[in-house]
Amino acid sequence: MALFKKRTVGKPGEWYYCLEHKKVEEGPDCPGKNRFGPYTSREEAQHAMDTARERNLQWETDPRWHDAPQGGNPDED
């Protein structure tokens, strides 16, 4: 008999987006490696991929994350 039970049921009102099944779940039905969340609403979880895409674009265009000098070639010293 196991000493600890694996918690698979989330709290009511916690919403997740499952990356494997491409669906919204209330409470974590799938492992953490396969989901985004928790979100506060079903609608917010439904837009998880849009939110991730927007955040990736912000990160990719943030000048604080680029080591290349302004206006120069990153391979030139």
C-alpha atoms as a PDB file:
ATOM      1  CA  MET A   1       0.000   0.000   0.000  1.00  0.00           C
ATOM      2  CA  ALA A   2       1.357   3.404  -0.967  1.00  0.00           C
ATOM      3  CA  LEU A   3       2.051   5.922   1.762  1.00  0.00           C
ATOM      4  CA  PHE A   4       1.109   8.862  -0.411  1.00  0.00           C
ATOM      5  CA  LYS A   5      -1.654   9.021  -2.952  1.00  0.00           C
ATOM      6  CA  LYS A   6      -1.021  10.888  -6.157  1.00  0.00           C
ATOM      7  CA  ARG A   7      -3.279  13.935  -6.298  1.00  0.00           C
ATOM      8  CA  THR A   8      -4.971  14.043  -9.676  1.00  0.00           C
ATOM      9  CA  VAL A   9      -8.026  16.120  -8.816  1.00  0.00           C
ATOM     10  CA  GLY A  10      -7.655  19.876  -8.867  1.00  0.00           C
ATOM     11  CA  LYS A  11      -9.457  22.479  -6.879  1.00  0.00           C
ATOM     12  CA  PRO A  12     -12.841  23.607  -8.186  1.00  0.00           C
ATOM     13  CA  GLY A  13     -12.374  26.632 -10.393  1.00  0.00           C
ATOM     14  CA  GLU A  14      -8.869  25.697 -11.577  1.00  0.00           C
ATOM     15  CA  TRP A  15      -8.775  25.336 -15.335  1.00  0.00           C
ATOM     16  CA  TYR A  16      -5.995  23.811 -17.431  1.00  0.00           C
ATOM     17  CA  TYR A  17      -5.250  23.388 -21.124  1.00  0.00           C
ATOM     18  CA  CYS A  18      -3.992  19.896 -22.008  1.00  0.00           C
ATOM     19  CA  LEU A  19      -1.327  20.057 -24.721  1.00  0.00           C
ATOM     20  CA  GLU A  20      -1.614  16.365 -25.525  1.00  0.00           C
ATOM     21  CA  HIS A  21      -5.402  16.184 -25.927  1.00  0.00           C
ATOM     22  CA  LYS A  22      -5.813  19.833 -27.037  1.00  0.00           C
ATOM     23  CA  LYS A  23      -8.703  20.403 -24.650  1.00  0.00           C
ATOM     24  CA  VAL A  24      -9.658  22.377 -21.558  1.00  0.00           C
ATOM     25  CA  GLU A  25      -9.882  20.499 -18.256  1.00  0.00           C
ATOM     26  CA  GLU A  26     -11.250  21.532 -14.888  1.00  0.00           C
ATOM     27  CA  GLY A  27      -8.654  20.337 -12.451  1.00  0.00           C
ATOM     28  CA  PRO A  28      -5.531  18.565 -13.637  1.00  0.00           C
ATOM     29  CA  ASP A  29      -6.548  15.372 -15.434  1.00  0.00           C
ATOM     30  CA  CYS A  30      -3.228  15.024 -17.271  1.00  0.00           C
ATOM     31  CA  PRO A  31       0.376  15.212 -15.991  1.00  0.00           C
ATOM     32  CA  GLY A  32       1.894  18.647 -15.435  1.00  0.00           C
ATOM     33  CA  LYS A  33       4.341  18.215 -18.333  1.00  0.00           C
ATOM     34  CA  ASN A  34       1.360  18.121 -20.714  1.00  0.00           C
ATOM     35  CA  ARG A  35      -0.622  21.132 -19.562  1.00  0.00           C
ATOM     36  CA  PHE A  36      -0.712  24.906 -19.164  1.00  0.00           C
ATOM     37  CA  GLY A  37      -2.360  26.434 -16.129  1.00  0.00           C
ATOM     38  CA  PRO A  38      -3.986  26.856 -13.775  1.00  0.00           C
ATOM     39  CA  TYR A  39      -6.237  29.541 -15.202  1.00  0.00           C
ATOM     40  CA  THR A  40      -9.050  31.276 -13.354  1.00  0.00           C
ATOM     41  CA  SER A  41     -11.698  30.624 -16.009  1.00  0.00           C
ATOM     42  CA  ARG A  42     -12.570  28.171 -18.746  1.00  0.00           C
ATOM     43  CA  GLU A  43     -12.369  30.970 -21.337  1.00  0.00           C
ATOM     44  CA  GLU A  44      -8.863  31.913 -20.253  1.00  0.00           C
ATOM     45  CA  ALA A  45      -7.755  28.265 -20.556  1.00  0.00           C
ATOM     46  CA  GLN A  46      -9.330  28.039 -24.027  1.00  0.00           C
ATOM     47  CA  HIS A  47      -6.995  30.836 -25.151  1.00  0.00           C
ATOM     48  CA  ALA A  48      -3.862  29.269 -23.603  1.00  0.00           C
ATOM     49  CA  MET A  49      -2.147  28.696 -26.952  1.00  0.00           C
ATOM     50  CA  ASP A  50      -2.887  32.272 -28.085  1.00  0.00           C
ATOM     51  CA  THR A  51      -1.473  33.602 -24.811  1.00  0.00           C
ATOM     52  CA  ALA A  52       1.664  31.470 -25.213  1.00  0.00           C
ATOM     53  CA  ARG A  53       2.109  32.636 -28.814  1.00  0.00           C
ATOM     54  CA  GLU A  54       1.777  36.302 -27.781  1.00  0.00           C
ATOM     55  CA  ARG A  55       4.264  35.876 -24.922  1.00  0.00           C
ATOM     56  CA  ASN A  56       6.752  34.126 -27.212  1.00  0.00           C
ATOM     57  CA  LEU A  57       6.519  36.980 -29.700  1.00  0.00           C
ATOM     58  CA  GLN A  58       7.067  39.535 -26.937  1.00  0.00           C
ATOM     59  CA  TRP A  59      10.126  37.626 -25.749  1.00  0.00           C
ATOM     60  CA  GLU A  60      11.548  37.228 -29.266  1.00  0.00           C
ATOM     61  CA  THR A  61      11.227  40.960 -29.965  1.00  0.00           C
ATOM     62  CA  ASP A  62      12.410  42.200 -26.552  1.00  0.00           C
ATOM     63  CA  PRO A  63      15.737  44.002 -27.090  1.00  0.00           C
ATOM     64  CA  ARG A  64      16.856  43.150 -23.552  1.00  0.00           C
ATOM     65  CA  TRP A  65      17.189  39.496 -24.595  1.00  0.00           C
ATOM     66  CA  HIS A  66      19.377  40.019 -27.652  1.00  0.00           C
ATOM     67  CA  ASP A  67      23.156  40.053 -27.335  1.00  0.00           C
ATOM     68  CA  ALA A  68      23.810  41.450 -30.812  1.00  0.00           C
ATOM     69  CA  PRO A  69      24.834  45.109 -30.979  1.00  0.00           C
ATOM     70  CA  GLN A  70      22.255  47.492 -32.437  1.00  0.00           C
ATOM     71  CA  GLY A  71      22.547  47.631 -36.232  1.00  0.00           C
ATOM     72  CA  GLY A  72      25.468  45.205 -36.428  1.00  0.00           C
ATOM     73  CA  ASN A  73      26.098  41.638 -37.378  1.00  0.00           C
ATOM     74  CA  PRO A  74      26.200  39.381 -34.284  1.00  0.00           C
ATOM     75  CA  ASP A  75      29.111  37.394 -35.827  1.00  0.00           C
ATOM     76  CA  GLU A  76      31.342  40.455 -36.240  1.00  0.00           C
ATOM     77  CA  ASP A  77      33.635  41.648 -33.448  1.00  0.00           C
END
